[in-house]
Structure formats: C-alpha cells, structure tokens
Amino acid sequence: MFKRRSRQALNQNQKESRSGATLVELAFVTPVFLVFVYAIFEFGYAYMVSNIIQEATQEGAKLGRCEDVTTAQVRTKVKTLLDTVFDSDLATIMVKNAGEFDTAGVDVSQMNFSSLPDIELANAEKAQLFIVRVEVPYKNVRLLNSFFVDPVKAADAANKEKDLVLSGHSVRRHE
C-alpha cells in the first residue's frame, strides 16, 4: 500500500538534486556580502577618524585655554592625538582668532575658517575666543582602496572624493 521511506534516504535525494544550486547561490551572494563588509569597515573607520579629530580639537582647545601656553604647544598636542590613528602631517591644523563668533547673526555653517586671522595664544587677551580646527581630506585617511572598481570609474570617483573632508573644531575662551 504505502511505501515507507526512511528520512535518511529522502535527505540524500535532495542533496543530490541541489548540488549545483548551492554553488550558484554562493556565487551570487558572496560579492554582495563582501561589498557590505567593505562598507562596514570603511564607514566605521571614517567615523572613528572623525571622533579622533573632534577629540583632538577639544583637547587642544582645553590646553589653549591655560595661561602661558603657545599656539605651537596646542598644535603639538593635537598632532600627538591624531598620530594615534593616522599620520598627522596629512591634516591641516589651524589655531585661529574666533572673535567673529561674538558678533550677532554670524552663520558658522557658511564661514571659511581658513580666512580667520591666526592667533598666538601666549599673547591672547583674557576672554579672547579662539578656535582649534582640524581638516583632513578623506582620500588621505581612507582605510581601503576601491580595488574592485575598474580604473576609469576609480578616477571619476577620486575626482568626486577630493571634495570630501573630515573635520572637527572646538571654540574656547582664553583664560
């Protein structure tokens, strides 16, 4: 009447009929998985670099608040912290007079920080605003190169990428 087959025999039949399907599925899934892993590493590293830049500017600004501290000492402090993650020579470290921030109606998002006047902190007056800013092009600190992109598309991406800048700043008053 009914044929009774063992489970082991049924599983063997299914494995034999799917032997090529597994390989095809792997061929489709692996590149997508690798792109996701690449993106996770790259965005995670960029986020870490951004955090280190912000931390370095805050520590530099804290040091700059003190009396008898020079601008060179602040830059050295910032460079030391940046060197923990990437070569600090790739970054632009600015210590500028931020007196413009005291005026009402200043739009900080539209401000060109490099055009602010330089300041020597050892000669700064009490309650003088100053800014410590770090800028580094993303292409100089990225973790992985785009090894899977063809050279023509990589050149186009590099042209777009040169405008990407990771930056951070901290504004403090000199004491």
N, C-alpha and C. Protein backbone atom coordinates (compact mmCIF):
# COMPACT_ATOMS: atom_id res chain seq x y z
N MET A 1 0.80 -1.19 0.00
CA MET A 1 0.00 0.00 0.00
C MET A 1 0.85 1.27 0.00
N PHE A 2 1.28 1.64 1.18
CA PHE A 2 2.14 2.82 1.28
C PHE A 2 3.58 2.38 1.38
N LYS A 3 4.39 3.06 0.63
CA LYS A 3 5.82 2.79 0.76
C LYS A 3 6.37 3.72 1.82
N ARG A 4 7.06 3.14 2.69
CA ARG A 4 7.65 3.94 3.75
C ARG A 4 9.14 4.08 3.48
N ARG A 5 9.57 5.33 3.32
CA ARG A 5 10.98 5.58 3.09
C ARG A 5 11.59 6.19 4.34
N SER A 6 12.79 5.88 4.55
CA SER A 6 13.46 6.46 5.72
C SER A 6 13.84 7.91 5.43
N ARG A 7 13.96 8.67 6.49
CA ARG A 7 14.33 10.09 6.34
C ARG A 7 15.71 10.24 5.73
N GLN A 8 16.58 9.36 6.07
CA GLN A 8 17.94 9.45 5.54
C GLN A 8 17.93 9.32 4.02
N ALA A 9 17.12 8.45 3.49
CA ALA A 9 17.05 8.28 2.05
C ALA A 9 16.47 9.52 1.38
N LEU A 10 15.48 10.16 1.98
CA LEU A 10 14.90 11.39 1.43
C LEU A 10 15.92 12.51 1.40
N ASN A 11 16.70 12.67 2.48
CA ASN A 11 17.72 13.72 2.53
C ASN A 11 18.80 13.51 1.48
N GLN A 12 19.17 12.29 1.21
CA GLN A 12 20.20 12.03 0.21
C GLN A 12 19.70 12.41 -1.18
N ASN A 13 18.45 12.14 -1.46
CA ASN A 13 17.90 12.51 -2.76
C ASN A 13 17.88 14.02 -2.95
N GLN A 14 17.53 14.79 -1.91
CA GLN A 14 17.50 16.24 -2.02
C GLN A 14 18.90 16.82 -2.20
N LYS A 15 19.88 16.27 -1.51
CA LYS A 15 21.25 16.78 -1.63
C LYS A 15 21.79 16.55 -3.04
N GLU A 16 21.48 15.43 -3.61
CA GLU A 16 21.97 15.14 -4.95
C GLU A 16 21.36 16.08 -5.98
N SER A 17 20.11 16.45 -5.83
CA SER A 17 19.45 17.31 -6.81
C SER A 17 19.82 18.79 -6.65
N ARG A 18 20.39 19.20 -5.50
CA ARG A 18 20.72 20.61 -5.24
C ARG A 18 22.22 20.89 -5.27
N SER A 19 23.01 19.97 -5.71
CA SER A 19 24.47 20.15 -5.61
C SER A 19 24.95 21.37 -6.41
N GLY A 20 24.41 21.66 -7.57
CA GLY A 20 24.82 22.82 -8.36
C GLY A 20 24.16 24.11 -7.90
N ALA A 21 22.97 24.01 -7.33
CA ALA A 21 22.25 25.21 -6.90
C ALA A 21 22.99 25.92 -5.77
N THR A 22 23.60 25.18 -4.88
CA THR A 22 24.33 25.79 -3.77
C THR A 22 25.50 26.60 -4.29
N LEU A 23 26.20 26.11 -5.27
CA LEU A 23 27.33 26.82 -5.83
C LEU A 23 26.89 28.11 -6.54
N VAL A 24 25.78 28.05 -7.25
CA VAL A 24 25.25 29.24 -7.93
C VAL A 24 24.80 30.28 -6.91
N GLU A 25 24.13 29.85 -5.86
CA GLU A 25 23.71 30.78 -4.81
C GLU A 25 24.91 31.45 -4.15
N LEU A 26 25.94 30.67 -3.89
CA LEU A 26 27.17 31.22 -3.31
C LEU A 26 27.80 32.25 -4.23
N ALA A 27 27.78 31.99 -5.52
CA ALA A 27 28.36 32.92 -6.50
C ALA A 27 27.60 34.25 -6.52
N PHE A 28 26.29 34.23 -6.28
CA PHE A 28 25.51 35.46 -6.25
C PHE A 28 25.62 36.20 -4.92
N VAL A 29 25.68 35.48 -3.84
CA VAL A 29 25.64 36.09 -2.51
C VAL A 29 27.01 36.63 -2.07
N THR A 30 28.08 35.95 -2.40
CA THR A 30 29.41 36.33 -1.92
C THR A 30 29.82 37.75 -2.30
N PRO A 31 29.69 38.20 -3.55
CA PRO A 31 30.08 39.58 -3.86
C PRO A 31 29.26 40.62 -3.09
N VAL A 32 27.98 40.38 -2.95
CA VAL A 32 27.13 41.31 -2.21
C VAL A 32 27.56 41.36 -0.75
N PHE A 33 27.83 40.21 -0.18
CA PHE A 33 28.29 40.14 1.21
C PHE A 33 29.62 40.88 1.37
N LEU A 34 30.54 40.69 0.45
CA LEU A 34 31.84 41.36 0.55
C LEU A 34 31.73 42.88 0.42
N VAL A 35 30.81 43.35 -0.41
CA VAL A 35 30.59 44.80 -0.52
C VAL A 35 30.05 45.35 0.79
N PHE A 36 29.13 44.63 1.42
CA PHE A 36 28.62 45.07 2.73
C PHE A 36 29.73 45.10 3.78
N VAL A 37 30.56 44.10 3.79
CA VAL A 37 31.67 44.05 4.76
C VAL A 37 32.63 45.21 4.50
N TYR A 38 32.94 45.46 3.23
CA TYR A 38 33.79 46.59 2.84
C TYR A 38 33.19 47.90 3.34
N ALA A 39 31.90 48.09 3.12
CA ALA A 39 31.24 49.34 3.53
C ALA A 39 31.25 49.49 5.06
N ILE A 40 31.03 48.41 5.77
CA ILE A 40 31.05 48.46 7.24
C ILE A 40 32.42 48.88 7.74
N PHE A 41 33.48 48.28 7.18
CA PHE A 41 34.84 48.66 7.59
C PHE A 41 35.13 50.11 7.27
N GLU A 42 34.80 50.53 6.06
CA GLU A 42 35.14 51.88 5.62
C GLU A 42 34.38 52.95 6.41
N PHE A 43 33.07 52.78 6.57
CA PHE A 43 32.30 53.77 7.32
C PHE A 43 32.66 53.76 8.80
N GLY A 44 32.94 52.59 9.33
CA GLY A 44 33.37 52.52 10.72
C GLY A 44 34.69 53.23 10.95
N TYR A 45 35.63 53.06 10.03
CA TYR A 45 36.93 53.73 10.16
C TYR A 45 36.78 55.24 10.00
N ALA A 46 35.97 55.68 9.03
CA ALA A 46 35.75 57.11 8.84
C ALA A 46 35.10 57.73 10.08
N TYR A 47 34.19 57.01 10.69
CA TYR A 47 33.55 57.50 11.92
C TYR A 47 34.56 57.60 13.06
N MET A 48 35.43 56.60 13.16
CA MET A 48 36.46 56.63 14.20
C MET A 48 37.42 57.81 13.97
N VAL A 49 37.83 58.05 12.73
CA VAL A 49 38.72 59.17 12.43
C VAL A 49 38.03 60.49 12.77
N SER A 50 36.76 60.62 12.46
CA SER A 50 36.02 61.84 12.80
C SER A 50 35.98 62.06 14.31
N ASN A 51 35.77 60.99 15.05
CA ASN A 51 35.75 61.11 16.52
C ASN A 51 37.11 61.51 17.07
N ILE A 52 38.18 60.94 16.53
CA ILE A 52 39.52 61.29 16.99
C ILE A 52 39.84 62.74 16.65
N ILE A 53 39.42 63.19 15.48
CA ILE A 53 39.64 64.60 15.12
C ILE A 53 38.92 65.51 16.10
N GLN A 54 37.68 65.21 16.41
CA GLN A 54 36.93 66.03 17.35
C GLN A 54 37.56 66.00 18.74
N GLU A 55 37.98 64.83 19.18
CA GLU A 55 38.63 64.71 20.49
C GLU A 55 39.94 65.49 20.53
N ALA A 56 40.71 65.43 19.45
CA ALA A 56 41.99 66.15 19.39
C ALA A 56 41.77 67.66 19.45
N THR A 57 40.74 68.16 18.75
CA THR A 57 40.49 69.61 18.80
C THR A 57 40.03 70.03 20.19
N GLN A 58 39.23 69.21 20.85
CA GLN A 58 38.78 69.56 22.20
C GLN A 58 39.93 69.57 23.19
N GLU A 59 40.81 68.58 23.10
CA GLU A 59 41.97 68.53 23.99
C GLU A 59 42.92 69.69 23.71
N GLY A 60 43.12 70.02 22.45
CA GLY A 60 43.97 71.16 22.09
C GLY A 60 43.38 72.47 22.60
N ALA A 61 42.07 72.62 22.48
CA ALA A 61 41.42 73.85 22.95
C ALA A 61 41.46 73.94 24.47
N LYS A 62 41.32 72.81 25.15
CA LYS A 62 41.44 72.82 26.62
C LYS A 62 42.83 73.28 27.05
N LEU A 63 43.84 72.78 26.36
CA LEU A 63 45.21 73.20 26.67
C LEU A 63 45.40 74.68 26.35
N GLY A 64 44.84 75.13 25.25
CA GLY A 64 44.99 76.52 24.82
C GLY A 64 44.32 77.53 25.74
N ARG A 65 43.37 77.09 26.53
CA ARG A 65 42.71 78.00 27.48
C ARG A 65 43.65 78.49 28.56
N CYS A 66 44.64 77.68 28.88
CA CYS A 66 45.54 78.00 30.00
C CYS A 66 46.47 79.16 29.66
N GLU A 67 46.89 79.82 30.69
CA GLU A 67 47.82 80.93 30.54
C GLU A 67 49.21 80.40 30.21
N ASP A 68 49.98 81.16 29.48
CA ASP A 68 51.37 80.84 29.11
C ASP A 68 51.49 79.59 28.24
N VAL A 69 50.46 79.25 27.50
CA VAL A 69 50.53 78.15 26.55
C VAL A 69 50.61 78.77 25.16
N THR A 70 51.51 78.24 24.34
CA THR A 70 51.69 78.80 23.00
C THR A 70 50.84 78.03 21.98
N THR A 71 50.69 78.65 20.83
CA THR A 71 49.97 78.01 19.74
C THR A 71 50.71 76.75 19.29
N ALA A 72 52.03 76.79 19.30
CA ALA A 72 52.82 75.62 18.90
C ALA A 72 52.57 74.44 19.84
N GLN A 73 52.41 74.70 21.12
CA GLN A 73 52.12 73.62 22.07
C GLN A 73 50.76 73.00 21.80
N VAL A 74 49.80 73.82 21.45
CA VAL A 74 48.46 73.31 21.11
C VAL A 74 48.53 72.45 19.86
N ARG A 75 49.24 72.92 18.84
CA ARG A 75 49.38 72.13 17.61
C ARG A 75 50.07 70.80 17.89
N THR A 76 51.09 70.82 18.74
CA THR A 76 51.80 69.59 19.08
C THR A 76 50.87 68.61 19.79
N LYS A 77 50.06 69.11 20.69
CA LYS A 77 49.10 68.25 21.41
C LYS A 77 48.11 67.60 20.43
N VAL A 78 47.58 68.41 19.52
CA VAL A 78 46.63 67.91 18.52
C VAL A 78 47.31 66.87 17.62
N LYS A 79 48.53 67.18 17.17
CA LYS A 79 49.26 66.24 16.30
C LYS A 79 49.51 64.91 17.01
N THR A 80 49.84 64.96 18.29
CA THR A 80 50.10 63.74 19.05
C THR A 80 48.86 62.86 19.10
N LEU A 81 47.71 63.46 19.31
CA LEU A 81 46.47 62.68 19.36
C LEU A 81 46.08 62.14 17.98
N LEU A 82 46.30 62.94 16.94
CA LEU A 82 45.96 62.47 15.59
C LEU A 82 46.88 61.34 15.15
N ASP A 83 48.13 61.37 15.60
CA ASP A 83 49.08 60.32 15.21
C ASP A 83 48.68 58.94 15.72
N THR A 84 47.76 58.87 16.66
CA THR A 84 47.31 57.56 17.14
C THR A 84 46.49 56.82 16.09
N VAL A 85 45.93 57.56 15.13
CA VAL A 85 45.06 56.94 14.12
C VAL A 85 45.63 57.06 12.71
N PHE A 86 46.16 58.22 12.36
CA PHE A 86 46.72 58.42 11.03
C PHE A 86 47.87 59.42 11.13
N ASP A 87 48.60 59.57 10.05
CA ASP A 87 49.73 60.48 10.01
C ASP A 87 49.22 61.91 10.08
N SER A 88 49.58 62.61 11.13
CA SER A 88 49.04 63.96 11.35
C SER A 88 49.55 64.96 10.32
N ASP A 89 50.60 64.63 9.57
CA ASP A 89 51.07 65.53 8.52
C ASP A 89 50.08 65.63 7.36
N LEU A 90 49.14 64.69 7.29
CA LEU A 90 48.11 64.73 6.25
C LEU A 90 47.00 65.72 6.57
N ALA A 91 46.95 66.17 7.82
CA ALA A 91 45.87 67.06 8.27
C ALA A 91 46.33 68.51 8.30
N THR A 92 45.37 69.41 8.18
CA THR A 92 45.61 70.84 8.36
C THR A 92 45.12 71.21 9.75
N ILE A 93 46.02 71.68 10.59
CA ILE A 93 45.69 72.06 11.96
C ILE A 93 45.74 73.58 12.04
N MET A 94 44.61 74.18 12.41
CA MET A 94 44.52 75.64 12.49
C MET A 94 44.19 76.07 13.91
N VAL A 95 44.86 77.09 14.38
CA VAL A 95 44.51 77.76 15.62
C VAL A 95 44.29 79.21 15.23
N LYS A 96 43.04 79.64 15.29
CA LYS A 96 42.65 80.94 14.74
C LYS A 96 41.92 81.79 15.77
N ASN A 97 41.91 83.07 15.52
CA ASN A 97 41.14 84.02 16.32
C ASN A 97 39.67 83.87 15.94
N ALA A 98 38.83 83.59 16.92
CA ALA A 98 37.40 83.37 16.64
C ALA A 98 36.56 84.53 17.16
N GLY A 99 37.11 85.72 17.17
CA GLY A 99 36.39 86.89 17.65
C GLY A 99 35.11 87.16 16.87
N GLU A 100 35.06 86.71 15.61
CA GLU A 100 33.85 86.91 14.79
C GLU A 100 32.64 86.18 15.37
N PHE A 101 32.89 85.14 16.14
CA PHE A 101 31.79 84.37 16.71
C PHE A 101 31.02 85.17 17.74
N ASP A 102 31.64 86.23 18.27
CA ASP A 102 30.97 87.08 19.27
C ASP A 102 29.95 88.01 18.65
N THR A 103 30.02 88.25 17.35
CA THR A 103 29.06 89.14 16.70
C THR A 103 27.75 88.40 16.44
N ALA A 104 26.68 89.11 16.61
CA ALA A 104 25.35 88.50 16.43
C ALA A 104 25.09 88.24 14.95
N GLY A 105 24.41 87.15 14.68
CA GLY A 105 23.98 86.83 13.32
C GLY A 105 25.04 86.16 12.46
N VAL A 106 26.13 85.70 13.04
CA VAL A 106 27.16 85.02 12.26
C VAL A 106 26.69 83.60 11.94
N ASP A 107 26.73 83.24 10.66
CA ASP A 107 26.35 81.90 10.22
C ASP A 107 27.61 81.05 10.14
N VAL A 108 27.80 80.21 11.12
CA VAL A 108 29.01 79.40 11.21
C VAL A 108 29.10 78.39 10.07
N SER A 109 27.96 77.91 9.59
CA SER A 109 27.97 76.91 8.53
C SER A 109 28.51 77.48 7.21
N GLN A 110 28.44 78.78 7.03
CA GLN A 110 28.93 79.41 5.80
C GLN A 110 30.32 80.03 5.96
N MET A 111 30.92 79.86 7.13
CA MET A 111 32.18 80.53 7.42
C MET A 111 33.36 79.77 6.80
N ASN A 112 34.30 80.54 6.26
CA ASN A 112 35.55 79.99 5.76
C ASN A 112 36.57 80.10 6.89
N PHE A 113 36.84 78.99 7.57
CA PHE A 113 37.68 79.03 8.76
C PHE A 113 39.12 79.38 8.44
N SER A 114 39.60 79.03 7.27
CA SER A 114 40.99 79.33 6.93
C SER A 114 41.22 80.82 6.73
N SER A 115 40.16 81.59 6.50
CA SER A 115 40.32 83.03 6.32
C SER A 115 40.35 83.80 7.65
N LEU A 116 40.06 83.12 8.75
CA LEU A 116 40.14 83.78 10.05
C LEU A 116 41.60 84.12 10.36
N PRO A 117 41.84 85.19 11.11
CA PRO A 117 43.23 85.54 11.43
C PRO A 117 43.85 84.56 12.41
N ASP A 118 45.15 84.32 12.23
CA ASP A 118 45.89 83.46 13.16
C ASP A 118 46.00 84.15 14.52
N ILE A 119 46.24 83.34 15.55
CA ILE A 119 46.37 83.89 16.90
C ILE A 119 47.55 83.20 17.60
N GLU A 120 48.29 83.97 18.35
CA GLU A 120 49.31 83.41 19.23
C GLU A 120 48.71 83.39 20.62
N LEU A 121 48.46 82.22 21.14
CA LEU A 121 47.75 82.08 22.42
C LEU A 121 48.53 82.65 23.60
N ALA A 122 49.85 82.66 23.52
CA ALA A 122 50.64 83.20 24.63
C ALA A 122 50.40 84.70 24.79
N ASN A 123 50.01 85.37 23.71
CA ASN A 123 49.76 86.82 23.74
C ASN A 123 48.27 87.16 23.75
N ALA A 124 47.41 86.18 23.81
CA ALA A 124 45.97 86.42 23.73
C ALA A 124 45.47 87.09 25.01
N GLU A 125 44.46 87.94 24.84
CA GLU A 125 43.85 88.62 25.98
C GLU A 125 42.92 87.65 26.71
N LYS A 126 42.59 87.99 27.93
CA LYS A 126 41.63 87.18 28.69
C LYS A 126 40.27 87.26 28.00
N ALA A 127 39.57 86.15 27.98
CA ALA A 127 38.24 86.00 27.38
C ALA A 127 38.26 86.12 25.85
N GLN A 128 39.44 86.06 25.25
CA GLN A 128 39.56 86.08 23.79
C GLN A 128 39.11 84.72 23.24
N LEU A 129 38.18 84.72 22.30
CA LEU A 129 37.73 83.49 21.66
C LEU A 129 38.77 83.00 20.65
N PHE A 130 39.03 81.71 20.66
CA PHE A 130 39.89 81.11 19.65
C PHE A 130 39.29 79.78 19.24
N ILE A 131 39.69 79.33 18.06
CA ILE A 131 39.20 78.07 17.53
C ILE A 131 40.38 77.17 17.17
N VAL A 132 40.24 75.91 17.51
CA VAL A 132 41.20 74.89 17.07
C VAL A 132 40.43 74.03 16.08
N ARG A 133 40.93 73.97 14.85
CA ARG A 133 40.23 73.24 13.79
C ARG A 133 41.20 72.31 13.08
N VAL A 134 40.71 71.12 12.76
CA VAL A 134 41.48 70.13 12.01
C VAL A 134 40.66 69.73 10.79
N GLU A 135 41.31 69.72 9.64
CA GLU A 135 40.69 69.26 8.40
C GLU A 135 41.62 68.26 7.74
N VAL A 136 41.07 67.17 7.27
CA VAL A 136 41.87 66.16 6.56
C VAL A 136 41.03 65.62 5.40
N PRO A 137 41.58 65.61 4.19
CA PRO A 137 40.84 65.02 3.06
C PRO A 137 40.60 63.53 3.30
N TYR A 138 39.40 63.11 3.02
CA TYR A 138 39.03 61.71 3.24
C TYR A 138 39.92 60.76 2.46
N LYS A 139 40.30 61.15 1.25
CA LYS A 139 41.12 60.26 0.42
C LYS A 139 42.47 59.97 1.06
N ASN A 140 42.94 60.85 1.95
CA ASN A 140 44.23 60.64 2.61
C ASN A 140 44.16 59.68 3.78
N VAL A 141 42.98 59.47 4.33
CA VAL A 141 42.86 58.64 5.52
C VAL A 141 41.97 57.42 5.34
N ARG A 142 41.47 57.19 4.15
CA ARG A 142 40.58 56.04 3.98
C ARG A 142 41.33 54.75 4.25
N LEU A 143 40.60 53.79 4.69
CA LEU A 143 41.18 52.52 5.11
C LEU A 143 41.51 51.62 3.94
N LEU A 144 40.58 51.46 3.04
CA LEU A 144 40.74 50.54 1.91
C LEU A 144 40.61 51.29 0.61
N ASN A 145 41.35 50.87 -0.39
CA ASN A 145 41.18 51.42 -1.72
C ASN A 145 40.07 50.67 -2.43
N SER A 146 39.52 51.28 -3.44
CA SER A 146 38.46 50.62 -4.21
C SER A 146 39.10 49.65 -5.19
N PHE A 147 39.50 48.48 -4.70
CA PHE A 147 40.22 47.51 -5.50
C PHE A 147 39.34 46.80 -6.51
N PHE A 148 38.03 46.85 -6.33
CA PHE A 148 37.14 46.11 -7.21
C PHE A 148 36.49 46.99 -8.28
N VAL A 149 36.89 48.25 -8.34
CA VAL A 149 36.31 49.17 -9.32
C VAL A 149 37.29 49.28 -10.48
N ASP A 150 36.75 49.36 -11.71
CA ASP A 150 37.66 49.48 -12.85
C ASP A 150 38.35 50.85 -12.82
N PRO A 151 39.53 50.97 -13.43
CA PRO A 151 40.34 52.19 -13.31
C PRO A 151 39.65 53.47 -13.78
N VAL A 152 38.81 53.39 -14.82
CA VAL A 152 38.14 54.59 -15.31
C VAL A 152 37.14 55.10 -14.28
N LYS A 153 36.35 54.20 -13.72
CA LYS A 153 35.39 54.61 -12.69
C LYS A 153 36.10 55.04 -11.42
N ALA A 154 37.24 54.43 -11.11
CA ALA A 154 38.00 54.82 -9.93
C ALA A 154 38.52 56.24 -10.07
N ALA A 155 38.94 56.64 -11.27
CA ALA A 155 39.42 58.00 -11.50
C ALA A 155 38.28 59.00 -11.33
N ASP A 156 37.09 58.67 -11.83
CA ASP A 156 35.92 59.54 -11.65
C ASP A 156 35.55 59.67 -10.17
N ALA A 157 35.60 58.55 -9.46
CA ALA A 157 35.29 58.57 -8.03
C ALA A 157 36.32 59.39 -7.27
N ALA A 158 37.58 59.31 -7.65
CA ALA A 158 38.63 60.08 -6.98
C ALA A 158 38.42 61.58 -7.17
N ASN A 159 37.94 61.98 -8.35
CA ASN A 159 37.66 63.41 -8.57
C ASN A 159 36.54 63.90 -7.67
N LYS A 160 35.51 63.08 -7.48
CA LYS A 160 34.42 63.45 -6.57
C LYS A 160 34.88 63.40 -5.13
N GLU A 161 35.78 62.47 -4.83
CA GLU A 161 36.22 62.23 -3.47
C GLU A 161 37.13 63.33 -2.93
N LYS A 162 37.80 64.08 -3.81
CA LYS A 162 38.74 65.09 -3.30
C LYS A 162 38.03 66.23 -2.59
N ASP A 163 36.74 66.37 -2.78
CA ASP A 163 35.97 67.39 -2.07
C ASP A 163 35.52 66.92 -0.69
N LEU A 164 35.64 65.63 -0.40
CA LEU A 164 35.22 65.11 0.91
C LEU A 164 36.30 65.40 1.94
N VAL A 165 35.92 66.10 2.99
CA VAL A 165 36.87 66.48 4.04
C VAL A 165 36.28 66.10 5.39
N LEU A 166 37.07 65.39 6.19
CA LEU A 166 36.68 65.11 7.57
C LEU A 166 37.24 66.26 8.41
N SER A 167 36.41 66.84 9.25
CA SER A 167 36.87 67.99 10.02
C SER A 167 36.23 68.01 11.39
N GLY A 168 36.84 68.78 12.25
CA GLY A 168 36.31 68.99 13.59
C GLY A 168 36.90 70.27 14.14
N HIS A 169 36.18 70.91 15.04
CA HIS A 169 36.72 72.12 15.65
C HIS A 169 36.15 72.31 17.05
N SER A 170 36.85 73.10 17.79
CA SER A 170 36.42 73.44 19.14
C SER A 170 36.73 74.91 19.39
N VAL A 171 35.76 75.62 19.93
CA VAL A 171 35.93 77.05 20.21
C VAL A 171 35.95 77.25 21.72
N ARG A 172 36.93 77.98 22.19
CA ARG A 172 37.07 78.24 23.63
C ARG A 172 37.50 79.68 23.85
N ARG A 173 37.41 80.10 25.11
CA ARG A 173 37.91 81.42 25.52
C ARG A 173 39.22 81.23 26.26
N HIS A 174 40.15 82.12 25.97
CA HIS A 174 41.45 82.09 26.65
C HIS A 174 41.28 82.63 28.06
N GLU A 175 41.91 82.00 29.02
CA GLU A 175 41.77 82.44 30.42
C GLU A 175 43.02 83.13 30.89
